[in-house]
Amino acid sequence: MSEQIPDYFKYNKENDNKYSKKKHYELAAIEKDWPFTPEKFGYHPVERSTACWRGFHCLYEMDDLQLLLKSFCVTLNCSVVSPPELNGVSGKKGYGGFWEYKQVNLPLGYSGGIILCADVVGYDDWFSDYECTHHFRDVLELRFEEGIVKSGIDHSETMEEIRGFTDLSFHEQNELVADYFSLYSNKWINYYKL
């Protein structure tokens, strides 16, 4: 099975230095329905690659605490020669049959939580699912109201501690992880299983 192309999220967790480089996180889980789905904007993605079953991937970014869709790549039916614009931006045919939309800067009015992960640590076979957030060095939980970040919790040290519990089974570690996220238990949706 191919590793899926993730949706990335550029975010500076300090948010107090406009000049520091934003880190790329992978959007791992969401609490509520995500506000950007291609179908709402007239796109009908098709799977052309085993690395992108959804037929699209996105880059999101924070701009002064506002959640934006920064760029969007989508594979469409071969008969589509001129897909619709997205927030005034035309798509350009790109690598791998993707239509690329750059600098879209579409504000998203999401209210709810998300989990972001970056930098896999440990064995490669750990990276099989985002339910294993303790297999990432950096793990953040953010809360939004109408697309604005209202709070954040850095779970990175806790996840490192859980990785150190080598006497626990894989299942026990996952249960322990779920207990540390304030809204995780039975609410979070693995973004890549939508």
N, C-alpha and C. Protein backbone atom coordinates (compact mmCIF):
# COMPACT_ATOMS: atom_id res chain seq x y z
N MET A 1 0.84 -1.19 0.00
CA MET A 1 0.00 0.00 0.00
C MET A 1 0.88 1.24 0.00
N SER A 2 0.55 2.18 -0.85
CA SER A 2 1.33 3.41 -0.94
C SER A 2 0.98 4.36 0.20
N GLU A 3 2.01 5.07 0.67
CA GLU A 3 1.77 6.12 1.66
C GLU A 3 1.02 7.24 0.95
N GLN A 4 -0.01 7.76 1.60
CA GLN A 4 -0.86 8.78 0.98
C GLN A 4 -0.21 10.16 1.07
N ILE A 5 -0.44 10.97 0.03
CA ILE A 5 0.01 12.36 0.05
C ILE A 5 -0.85 13.08 1.09
N PRO A 6 -0.24 13.64 2.11
CA PRO A 6 -1.05 14.30 3.14
C PRO A 6 -1.44 15.71 2.77
N ASP A 7 -2.40 16.24 3.50
CA ASP A 7 -2.66 17.68 3.45
C ASP A 7 -1.70 18.30 4.44
N TYR A 8 -1.00 19.35 4.00
CA TYR A 8 -0.04 20.03 4.87
C TYR A 8 -0.65 21.30 5.43
N PHE A 9 -0.06 21.73 6.52
CA PHE A 9 -0.56 22.87 7.26
C PHE A 9 0.63 23.68 7.71
N LYS A 10 0.84 24.87 7.14
CA LYS A 10 1.95 25.74 7.56
C LYS A 10 1.51 26.54 8.77
N TYR A 11 2.28 26.40 9.83
CA TYR A 11 1.88 27.04 11.08
C TYR A 11 3.12 27.32 11.92
N ASN A 12 3.19 28.52 12.47
CA ASN A 12 4.24 28.87 13.41
C ASN A 12 3.62 28.82 14.79
N LYS A 13 3.94 27.75 15.55
CA LYS A 13 3.22 27.55 16.81
C LYS A 13 3.47 28.65 17.83
N GLU A 14 4.56 29.38 17.69
CA GLU A 14 4.79 30.50 18.61
C GLU A 14 3.87 31.67 18.28
N ASN A 15 3.66 31.91 16.98
CA ASN A 15 2.79 32.98 16.49
C ASN A 15 3.12 34.37 17.05
N ASP A 16 4.33 34.58 17.50
CA ASP A 16 4.69 35.91 18.00
C ASP A 16 5.83 36.51 17.18
N ASN A 17 6.29 35.80 16.18
CA ASN A 17 7.37 36.30 15.35
C ASN A 17 6.99 36.12 13.89
N LYS A 18 6.55 37.18 13.26
CA LYS A 18 6.10 37.10 11.88
C LYS A 18 7.22 36.68 10.93
N TYR A 19 8.47 36.81 11.37
CA TYR A 19 9.58 36.53 10.47
C TYR A 19 10.15 35.13 10.63
N SER A 20 9.69 34.38 11.60
CA SER A 20 10.21 33.02 11.74
C SER A 20 9.51 32.12 10.73
N LYS A 21 10.22 31.10 10.27
CA LYS A 21 9.70 30.22 9.23
C LYS A 21 8.61 29.32 9.81
N LYS A 22 7.50 29.24 9.10
CA LYS A 22 6.42 28.37 9.53
C LYS A 22 6.78 26.93 9.20
N LYS A 23 6.42 26.05 10.11
CA LYS A 23 6.71 24.63 9.94
C LYS A 23 5.57 23.96 9.19
N HIS A 24 5.91 22.94 8.41
CA HIS A 24 4.91 22.15 7.71
C HIS A 24 4.48 20.98 8.59
N TYR A 25 3.22 20.98 8.98
CA TYR A 25 2.63 19.87 9.72
C TYR A 25 1.71 19.11 8.77
N GLU A 26 1.41 17.88 9.13
CA GLU A 26 0.43 17.11 8.39
C GLU A 26 -0.88 17.19 9.16
N LEU A 27 -1.95 17.48 8.44
CA LEU A 27 -3.27 17.53 9.06
C LEU A 27 -3.69 16.09 9.30
N ALA A 28 -3.77 15.71 10.57
CA ALA A 28 -3.98 14.30 10.93
C ALA A 28 -5.41 13.98 11.29
N ALA A 29 -6.07 14.84 12.03
CA ALA A 29 -7.43 14.52 12.49
C ALA A 29 -8.22 15.81 12.66
N ILE A 30 -9.53 15.66 12.52
CA ILE A 30 -10.44 16.78 12.68
C ILE A 30 -11.57 16.38 13.60
N GLU A 31 -12.14 17.37 14.26
CA GLU A 31 -13.24 17.09 15.18
C GLU A 31 -14.59 17.13 14.48
N LYS A 32 -14.76 18.04 13.55
CA LYS A 32 -16.04 18.24 12.88
C LYS A 32 -15.83 18.23 11.37
N ASP A 33 -16.90 18.35 10.62
CA ASP A 33 -16.78 18.36 9.16
C ASP A 33 -15.84 19.47 8.72
N TRP A 34 -14.91 19.13 7.86
CA TRP A 34 -13.92 20.08 7.37
C TRP A 34 -14.58 21.02 6.36
N PRO A 35 -14.28 22.32 6.40
CA PRO A 35 -15.00 23.28 5.55
C PRO A 35 -14.64 23.24 4.07
N PHE A 36 -13.48 22.65 3.73
CA PHE A 36 -13.13 22.60 2.31
C PHE A 36 -13.27 21.18 1.79
N THR A 37 -14.23 21.00 0.91
CA THR A 37 -14.35 19.77 0.14
C THR A 37 -14.45 20.19 -1.32
N PRO A 38 -13.71 19.53 -2.20
CA PRO A 38 -13.68 19.96 -3.60
C PRO A 38 -15.07 20.02 -4.25
N GLU A 39 -15.94 19.10 -3.88
CA GLU A 39 -17.27 19.04 -4.50
C GLU A 39 -18.07 20.32 -4.26
N LYS A 40 -17.89 20.95 -3.11
CA LYS A 40 -18.59 22.21 -2.81
C LYS A 40 -18.20 23.33 -3.77
N PHE A 41 -17.04 23.17 -4.41
CA PHE A 41 -16.52 24.21 -5.30
C PHE A 41 -16.55 23.77 -6.77
N GLY A 42 -17.27 22.69 -7.07
CA GLY A 42 -17.46 22.26 -8.45
C GLY A 42 -16.43 21.29 -8.98
N TYR A 43 -15.60 20.71 -8.12
CA TYR A 43 -14.58 19.75 -8.55
C TYR A 43 -15.04 18.34 -8.19
N HIS A 44 -14.71 17.40 -9.05
CA HIS A 44 -15.04 16.00 -8.80
C HIS A 44 -13.76 15.18 -8.98
N PRO A 45 -12.96 15.08 -7.89
CA PRO A 45 -11.67 14.40 -7.97
C PRO A 45 -11.82 12.93 -8.36
N VAL A 46 -10.84 12.44 -9.11
CA VAL A 46 -10.76 11.03 -9.45
C VAL A 46 -9.40 10.50 -8.99
N GLU A 47 -9.39 9.24 -8.62
CA GLU A 47 -8.14 8.61 -8.19
C GLU A 47 -7.34 8.20 -9.41
N ARG A 48 -6.13 8.72 -9.51
CA ARG A 48 -5.24 8.30 -10.60
C ARG A 48 -3.93 7.76 -10.06
N SER A 49 -3.78 7.83 -8.75
CA SER A 49 -2.53 7.40 -8.14
C SER A 49 -2.85 6.66 -6.85
N THR A 50 -2.13 5.59 -6.60
CA THR A 50 -2.33 4.87 -5.33
C THR A 50 -1.83 5.69 -4.15
N ALA A 51 -1.08 6.76 -4.43
CA ALA A 51 -0.60 7.64 -3.36
C ALA A 51 -1.59 8.75 -3.04
N CYS A 52 -2.72 8.81 -3.75
CA CYS A 52 -3.71 9.86 -3.50
C CYS A 52 -5.10 9.32 -3.83
N TRP A 53 -5.61 8.46 -2.97
CA TRP A 53 -6.91 7.84 -3.17
C TRP A 53 -8.03 8.88 -3.25
N ARG A 54 -7.87 9.99 -2.52
CA ARG A 54 -8.91 11.02 -2.51
C ARG A 54 -8.96 11.81 -3.82
N GLY A 55 -7.84 11.79 -4.57
CA GLY A 55 -7.79 12.54 -5.82
C GLY A 55 -7.44 14.00 -5.64
N PHE A 56 -7.08 14.41 -4.45
CA PHE A 56 -6.68 15.81 -4.22
C PHE A 56 -5.84 15.90 -2.95
N HIS A 57 -5.10 16.98 -2.85
CA HIS A 57 -4.39 17.31 -1.60
C HIS A 57 -4.25 18.82 -1.53
N CYS A 58 -4.08 19.32 -0.30
CA CYS A 58 -4.12 20.76 -0.05
C CYS A 58 -2.97 21.21 0.84
N LEU A 59 -2.70 22.50 0.77
CA LEU A 59 -1.82 23.17 1.71
C LEU A 59 -2.65 24.25 2.39
N TYR A 60 -2.72 24.18 3.71
CA TYR A 60 -3.41 25.19 4.50
C TYR A 60 -2.37 26.03 5.22
N GLU A 61 -2.75 27.25 5.58
CA GLU A 61 -1.80 28.13 6.26
C GLU A 61 -2.54 29.05 7.21
N MET A 62 -1.83 29.49 8.22
CA MET A 62 -2.35 30.50 9.13
C MET A 62 -1.80 31.85 8.71
N ASP A 63 -2.68 32.82 8.55
CA ASP A 63 -2.27 34.19 8.24
C ASP A 63 -2.89 35.09 9.30
N ASP A 64 -2.05 35.55 10.24
CA ASP A 64 -2.54 36.34 11.38
C ASP A 64 -3.71 35.62 12.07
N LEU A 65 -3.50 34.34 12.35
CA LEU A 65 -4.43 33.46 13.06
C LEU A 65 -5.66 33.06 12.25
N GLN A 66 -5.79 33.51 10.99
CA GLN A 66 -6.90 33.12 10.11
C GLN A 66 -6.50 31.89 9.31
N LEU A 67 -7.37 30.88 9.30
CA LEU A 67 -7.14 29.66 8.53
C LEU A 67 -7.44 29.91 7.05
N LEU A 68 -6.46 29.59 6.19
CA LEU A 68 -6.60 29.78 4.75
C LEU A 68 -6.28 28.48 4.01
N LEU A 69 -7.00 28.25 2.91
CA LEU A 69 -6.57 27.25 1.93
C LEU A 69 -5.56 27.97 1.05
N LYS A 70 -4.31 27.57 1.14
CA LYS A 70 -3.24 28.26 0.40
C LYS A 70 -3.12 27.73 -1.03
N SER A 71 -3.09 26.39 -1.18
CA SER A 71 -3.01 25.81 -2.52
C SER A 71 -3.78 24.50 -2.55
N PHE A 72 -4.11 24.07 -3.76
CA PHE A 72 -5.00 22.93 -3.97
C PHE A 72 -4.55 22.20 -5.23
N CYS A 73 -4.38 20.89 -5.14
CA CYS A 73 -4.03 20.07 -6.30
C CYS A 73 -5.09 18.98 -6.43
N VAL A 74 -5.60 18.79 -7.64
CA VAL A 74 -6.70 17.84 -7.84
C VAL A 74 -6.53 17.12 -9.17
N THR A 75 -6.85 15.82 -9.19
CA THR A 75 -6.90 15.08 -10.44
C THR A 75 -8.36 14.98 -10.85
N LEU A 76 -8.60 15.29 -12.12
CA LEU A 76 -9.96 15.31 -12.65
C LEU A 76 -10.07 14.35 -13.82
N ASN A 77 -11.27 14.07 -14.23
CA ASN A 77 -11.52 13.23 -15.38
C ASN A 77 -10.77 13.81 -16.59
N CYS A 78 -10.24 12.94 -17.42
CA CYS A 78 -9.44 13.38 -18.59
C CYS A 78 -10.22 14.29 -19.54
N SER A 79 -11.54 14.20 -19.51
CA SER A 79 -12.34 15.03 -20.41
C SER A 79 -12.42 16.49 -19.96
N VAL A 80 -12.00 16.76 -18.72
CA VAL A 80 -12.02 18.15 -18.22
C VAL A 80 -10.82 18.89 -18.79
N VAL A 81 -11.09 19.93 -19.59
CA VAL A 81 -10.00 20.71 -20.19
C VAL A 81 -9.86 22.09 -19.55
N SER A 82 -10.90 22.55 -18.87
CA SER A 82 -10.86 23.86 -18.24
C SER A 82 -11.68 23.82 -16.95
N PRO A 83 -11.04 23.38 -15.85
CA PRO A 83 -11.77 23.31 -14.59
C PRO A 83 -12.10 24.70 -14.06
N PRO A 84 -13.06 24.78 -13.12
CA PRO A 84 -13.44 26.10 -12.59
C PRO A 84 -12.30 26.77 -11.82
N GLU A 85 -12.40 28.08 -11.73
CA GLU A 85 -11.46 28.84 -10.90
C GLU A 85 -11.78 28.59 -9.43
N LEU A 86 -10.78 28.82 -8.60
CA LEU A 86 -10.97 28.69 -7.16
C LEU A 86 -10.53 29.99 -6.50
N ASN A 87 -11.47 30.73 -5.96
CA ASN A 87 -11.21 32.03 -5.35
C ASN A 87 -10.48 32.96 -6.33
N GLY A 88 -10.89 32.91 -7.61
CA GLY A 88 -10.31 33.76 -8.63
C GLY A 88 -9.01 33.25 -9.23
N VAL A 89 -8.57 32.05 -8.85
CA VAL A 89 -7.31 31.49 -9.33
C VAL A 89 -7.60 30.37 -10.32
N SER A 90 -6.96 30.43 -11.49
CA SER A 90 -7.10 29.39 -12.50
C SER A 90 -6.13 28.26 -12.23
N GLY A 91 -6.57 27.04 -12.54
CA GLY A 91 -5.70 25.88 -12.37
C GLY A 91 -4.75 25.73 -13.54
N LYS A 92 -3.56 25.19 -13.25
CA LYS A 92 -2.58 24.90 -14.28
C LYS A 92 -2.27 23.41 -14.22
N LYS A 93 -2.15 22.79 -15.39
CA LYS A 93 -1.83 21.37 -15.45
C LYS A 93 -0.44 21.15 -14.88
N GLY A 94 -0.33 20.24 -13.91
CA GLY A 94 0.94 20.02 -13.24
C GLY A 94 1.39 18.58 -13.31
N TYR A 95 2.34 18.25 -12.49
CA TYR A 95 2.96 16.94 -12.44
C TYR A 95 1.95 15.87 -12.03
N GLY A 96 2.04 14.69 -12.65
CA GLY A 96 1.22 13.55 -12.26
C GLY A 96 -0.25 13.68 -12.62
N GLY A 97 -0.59 14.59 -13.54
CA GLY A 97 -1.98 14.76 -13.94
C GLY A 97 -2.79 15.63 -13.01
N PHE A 98 -2.15 16.25 -12.03
CA PHE A 98 -2.85 17.15 -11.11
C PHE A 98 -3.05 18.52 -11.75
N TRP A 99 -4.21 19.11 -11.48
CA TRP A 99 -4.43 20.52 -11.75
C TRP A 99 -3.99 21.25 -10.48
N GLU A 100 -3.12 22.25 -10.63
CA GLU A 100 -2.56 22.96 -9.48
C GLU A 100 -3.14 24.36 -9.37
N TYR A 101 -3.57 24.70 -8.17
CA TYR A 101 -4.07 26.04 -7.86
C TYR A 101 -3.18 26.60 -6.75
N LYS A 102 -2.38 27.59 -7.09
CA LYS A 102 -1.45 28.17 -6.11
C LYS A 102 -1.91 29.56 -5.70
N GLN A 103 -1.54 29.94 -4.49
CA GLN A 103 -1.90 31.26 -3.94
C GLN A 103 -3.41 31.50 -3.96
N VAL A 104 -4.16 30.47 -3.59
CA VAL A 104 -5.62 30.57 -3.57
C VAL A 104 -6.07 31.51 -2.45
N ASN A 105 -5.47 31.38 -1.27
CA ASN A 105 -5.75 32.24 -0.11
C ASN A 105 -7.24 32.35 0.21
N LEU A 106 -7.90 31.21 0.23
CA LEU A 106 -9.33 31.14 0.52
C LEU A 106 -9.55 31.02 2.02
N PRO A 107 -10.16 32.04 2.68
CA PRO A 107 -10.43 31.93 4.11
C PRO A 107 -11.44 30.81 4.39
N LEU A 108 -11.19 30.05 5.43
CA LEU A 108 -12.07 28.95 5.81
C LEU A 108 -12.63 29.22 7.19
N GLY A 109 -13.92 29.07 7.34
CA GLY A 109 -14.59 29.39 8.60
C GLY A 109 -14.81 28.18 9.48
N TYR A 110 -13.77 27.40 9.73
CA TYR A 110 -13.89 26.19 10.53
C TYR A 110 -14.03 26.50 12.02
N SER A 111 -14.94 25.81 12.67
CA SER A 111 -15.07 25.88 14.14
C SER A 111 -14.96 24.46 14.68
N GLY A 112 -13.96 24.24 15.50
CA GLY A 112 -13.71 22.91 16.05
C GLY A 112 -12.24 22.71 16.25
N GLY A 113 -11.85 21.48 16.50
CA GLY A 113 -10.46 21.16 16.76
C GLY A 113 -9.82 20.43 15.59
N ILE A 114 -8.48 20.51 15.55
CA ILE A 114 -7.69 19.73 14.61
C ILE A 114 -6.46 19.21 15.34
N ILE A 115 -5.87 18.17 14.80
CA ILE A 115 -4.60 17.65 15.30
C ILE A 115 -3.61 17.71 14.15
N LEU A 116 -2.45 18.31 14.43
CA LEU A 116 -1.37 18.43 13.45
C LEU A 116 -0.18 17.62 13.94
N CYS A 117 0.51 16.95 13.01
CA CYS A 117 1.68 16.14 13.35
C CYS A 117 2.82 16.46 12.40
N ALA A 118 4.05 16.35 12.90
CA ALA A 118 5.23 16.55 12.06
C ALA A 118 6.37 15.69 12.57
N ASP A 119 7.22 15.27 11.65
CA ASP A 119 8.46 14.56 11.95
C ASP A 119 8.24 13.20 12.60
N VAL A 120 8.07 12.19 11.75
CA VAL A 120 7.93 10.81 12.23
C VAL A 120 9.21 10.41 12.94
N VAL A 121 9.07 9.73 14.07
CA VAL A 121 10.23 9.20 14.80
C VAL A 121 10.01 7.70 15.00
N GLY A 122 11.10 6.96 15.04
CA GLY A 122 11.00 5.52 15.27
C GLY A 122 10.97 4.74 13.97
N TYR A 123 10.42 3.57 14.05
CA TYR A 123 10.42 2.64 12.93
C TYR A 123 9.45 3.08 11.84
N ASP A 124 9.83 2.79 10.58
CA ASP A 124 8.98 3.17 9.45
C ASP A 124 7.62 2.49 9.50
N ASP A 125 7.57 1.26 10.01
CA ASP A 125 6.28 0.57 10.02
C ASP A 125 5.31 1.18 11.02
N TRP A 126 5.78 2.09 11.89
CA TRP A 126 4.87 2.81 12.79
C TRP A 126 3.96 3.74 12.00
N PHE A 127 4.47 4.22 10.89
CA PHE A 127 3.76 5.24 10.12
C PHE A 127 2.72 4.59 9.22
N SER A 128 1.72 3.98 9.84
CA SER A 128 0.70 3.30 9.06
C SER A 128 -0.64 3.99 9.19
N ASP A 129 -0.80 4.86 10.19
CA ASP A 129 -2.09 5.47 10.41
C ASP A 129 -1.92 6.67 11.34
N TYR A 130 -2.76 7.68 11.17
CA TYR A 130 -2.64 8.87 12.00
C TYR A 130 -3.22 8.67 13.39
N GLU A 131 -3.81 7.49 13.64
CA GLU A 131 -4.26 7.23 15.00
C GLU A 131 -3.07 7.03 15.93
N CYS A 132 -1.88 6.89 15.35
CA CYS A 132 -0.65 6.69 16.13
C CYS A 132 0.11 8.00 16.25
N THR A 133 -0.52 9.02 16.79
CA THR A 133 0.10 10.34 16.84
C THR A 133 1.37 10.35 17.69
N HIS A 134 1.53 9.40 18.60
CA HIS A 134 2.73 9.38 19.42
C HIS A 134 3.96 8.95 18.61
N HIS A 135 3.80 8.64 17.36
CA HIS A 135 4.93 8.30 16.50
C HIS A 135 5.46 9.52 15.76
N PHE A 136 5.00 10.71 16.17
CA PHE A 136 5.48 11.96 15.60
C PHE A 136 6.17 12.78 16.68
N ARG A 137 7.23 13.48 16.30
CA ARG A 137 7.98 14.31 17.25
C ARG A 137 7.16 15.52 17.69
N ASP A 138 6.48 16.18 16.75
CA ASP A 138 5.69 17.37 17.05
C ASP A 138 4.21 17.08 16.85
N VAL A 139 3.43 17.28 17.90
CA VAL A 139 1.99 17.02 17.85
C VAL A 139 1.27 18.20 18.51
N LEU A 140 0.39 18.85 17.73
CA LEU A 140 -0.35 20.01 18.22
C LEU A 140 -1.84 19.77 18.10
N GLU A 141 -2.58 20.31 19.04
CA GLU A 141 -4.03 20.32 18.97
C GLU A 141 -4.46 21.78 18.97
N LEU A 142 -5.20 22.19 17.94
CA LEU A 142 -5.64 23.58 17.82
C LEU A 142 -7.16 23.64 17.84
N ARG A 143 -7.69 24.72 18.43
CA ARG A 143 -9.14 24.97 18.47
C ARG A 143 -9.43 26.24 17.69
N PHE A 144 -10.44 26.17 16.81
CA PHE A 144 -10.82 27.30 15.96
C PHE A 144 -12.26 27.73 16.24
N GLU A 145 -12.52 29.02 16.05
CA GLU A 145 -13.87 29.56 16.00
C GLU A 145 -13.95 30.41 14.75
N GLU A 146 -14.83 30.02 13.84
CA GLU A 146 -15.01 30.71 12.56
C GLU A 146 -13.69 30.97 11.84
N GLY A 147 -12.81 29.97 11.85
CA GLY A 147 -11.55 30.05 11.12
C GLY A 147 -10.42 30.76 11.84
N ILE A 148 -10.64 31.20 13.07
CA ILE A 148 -9.60 31.89 13.85
C ILE A 148 -9.13 30.97 14.97
N VAL A 149 -7.79 30.84 15.12
CA VAL A 149 -7.23 30.01 16.20
C VAL A 149 -7.53 30.67 17.53
N LYS A 150 -8.16 29.92 18.42
CA LYS A 150 -8.48 30.44 19.76
C LYS A 150 -7.59 29.85 20.84
N SER A 151 -7.10 28.63 20.63
CA SER A 151 -6.21 28.02 21.62
C SER A 151 -5.43 26.88 20.98
N GLY A 152 -4.36 26.53 21.63
CA GLY A 152 -3.53 25.43 21.15
C GLY A 152 -2.86 24.72 22.30
N ILE A 153 -2.67 23.43 22.14
CA ILE A 153 -1.97 22.63 23.14
C ILE A 153 -0.87 21.87 22.41
N ASP A 154 0.35 21.97 22.92
CA ASP A 154 1.48 21.23 22.35
C ASP A 154 1.60 19.91 23.12
N HIS A 155 1.32 18.81 22.44
CA HIS A 155 1.35 17.48 23.07
C HIS A 155 2.68 16.76 22.81
N SER A 156 3.67 17.44 22.26
CA SER A 156 4.91 16.79 21.84
C SER A 156 5.64 16.09 22.98
N GLU A 157 5.78 16.74 24.12
CA GLU A 157 6.48 16.11 25.24
C GLU A 157 5.72 14.91 25.77
N THR A 158 4.41 15.00 25.80
CA THR A 158 3.59 13.88 26.26
C THR A 158 3.74 12.69 25.32
N MET A 159 3.75 12.95 24.01
CA MET A 159 3.89 11.86 23.04
C MET A 159 5.27 11.21 23.17
N GLU A 160 6.29 12.02 23.44
CA GLU A 160 7.63 11.47 23.66
C GLU A 160 7.63 10.56 24.89
N GLU A 161 6.96 11.00 25.93
CA GLU A 161 6.87 10.19 27.14
C GLU A 161 6.17 8.85 26.86
N ILE A 162 5.10 8.90 26.09
CA ILE A 162 4.36 7.68 25.76
C ILE A 162 5.22 6.73 24.93
N ARG A 163 6.03 7.27 24.01
CA ARG A 163 6.93 6.41 23.24
C ARG A 163 7.90 5.67 24.14
N GLY A 164 8.21 6.25 25.29
CA GLY A 164 9.13 5.62 26.23
C GLY A 164 8.52 4.49 27.04
N PHE A 165 7.20 4.34 27.00
CA PHE A 165 6.53 3.25 27.74
C PHE A 165 6.60 1.97 26.92
N THR A 166 7.80 1.42 26.80
CA THR A 166 8.00 0.25 25.94
C THR A 166 7.37 -1.02 26.49
N ASP A 167 6.99 -1.01 27.77
CA ASP A 167 6.37 -2.20 28.34
C ASP A 167 4.87 -2.28 28.00
N LEU A 168 4.31 -1.20 27.44
CA LEU A 168 2.90 -1.20 27.06
C LEU A 168 2.73 -1.80 25.67
N SER A 169 1.63 -2.47 25.44
CA SER A 169 1.33 -2.99 24.10
C SER A 169 0.98 -1.83 23.18
N PHE A 170 0.96 -2.12 21.88
CA PHE A 170 0.59 -1.13 20.88
C PHE A 170 -0.80 -0.57 21.20
N HIS A 171 -1.75 -1.43 21.50
CA HIS A 171 -3.12 -1.01 21.82
C HIS A 171 -3.15 -0.15 23.08
N GLU A 172 -2.40 -0.51 24.10
CA GLU A 172 -2.38 0.26 25.35
C GLU A 172 -1.78 1.65 25.12
N GLN A 173 -0.76 1.73 24.28
CA GLN A 173 -0.18 3.05 23.97
C GLN A 173 -1.20 3.93 23.25
N ASN A 174 -1.94 3.37 22.29
CA ASN A 174 -2.95 4.15 21.57
C ASN A 174 -4.05 4.64 22.50
N GLU A 175 -4.46 3.80 23.46
CA GLU A 175 -5.48 4.23 24.42
C GLU A 175 -4.96 5.36 25.30
N LEU A 176 -3.70 5.28 25.69
CA LEU A 176 -3.09 6.32 26.51
C LEU A 176 -3.03 7.63 25.74
N VAL A 177 -2.68 7.57 24.45
CA VAL A 177 -2.64 8.76 23.60
C VAL A 177 -4.01 9.43 23.58
N ALA A 178 -5.05 8.66 23.36
CA ALA A 178 -6.41 9.21 23.26
C ALA A 178 -6.80 9.96 24.52
N ASP A 179 -6.33 9.50 25.67
CA ASP A 179 -6.66 10.16 26.93
C ASP A 179 -6.04 11.55 27.06
N TYR A 180 -4.97 11.82 26.30
CA TYR A 180 -4.27 13.10 26.44
C TYR A 180 -4.85 14.22 25.59
N PHE A 181 -5.63 13.88 24.58
CA PHE A 181 -6.24 14.92 23.76
C PHE A 181 -7.55 15.34 24.39
N SER A 182 -7.75 16.63 24.56
CA SER A 182 -8.90 17.11 25.31
C SER A 182 -10.23 16.71 24.67
N LEU A 183 -10.25 16.55 23.36
CA LEU A 183 -11.50 16.19 22.69
C LEU A 183 -11.37 14.93 21.86
N TYR A 184 -10.32 14.18 22.05
CA TYR A 184 -9.99 13.08 21.15
C TYR A 184 -10.95 11.89 21.27
N SER A 185 -11.30 11.51 22.46
CA SER A 185 -12.02 10.26 22.67
C SER A 185 -13.31 10.18 21.88
N ASN A 186 -13.34 9.26 20.94
CA ASN A 186 -14.51 8.92 20.12
C ASN A 186 -15.08 10.10 19.34
N LYS A 187 -14.35 11.18 19.19
CA LYS A 187 -14.85 12.33 18.45
C LYS A 187 -14.02 12.63 17.21
N TRP A 188 -12.73 12.42 17.28
CA TRP A 188 -11.87 12.80 16.18
C TRP A 188 -12.06 11.89 14.99
N ILE A 189 -11.95 12.46 13.81
CA ILE A 189 -12.07 11.72 12.56
C ILE A 189 -10.68 11.66 11.93
N ASN A 190 -10.24 10.45 11.61
CA ASN A 190 -9.01 10.32 10.87
C ASN A 190 -9.24 10.95 9.50
N TYR A 191 -8.59 12.05 9.22
CA TYR A 191 -8.84 12.85 8.03
C TYR A 191 -8.70 12.05 6.73
N TYR A 192 -7.85 11.06 6.74
CA TYR A 192 -7.57 10.32 5.51
C TYR A 192 -8.50 9.14 5.29
N LYS A 193 -9.45 8.93 6.19
CA LYS A 193 -10.44 7.86 6.01
C LYS A 193 -11.81 8.43 5.65
N LEU A 194 -11.86 9.70 5.28
CA LEU A 194 -13.13 10.33 4.91
C LEU A 194 -13.62 9.80 3.57
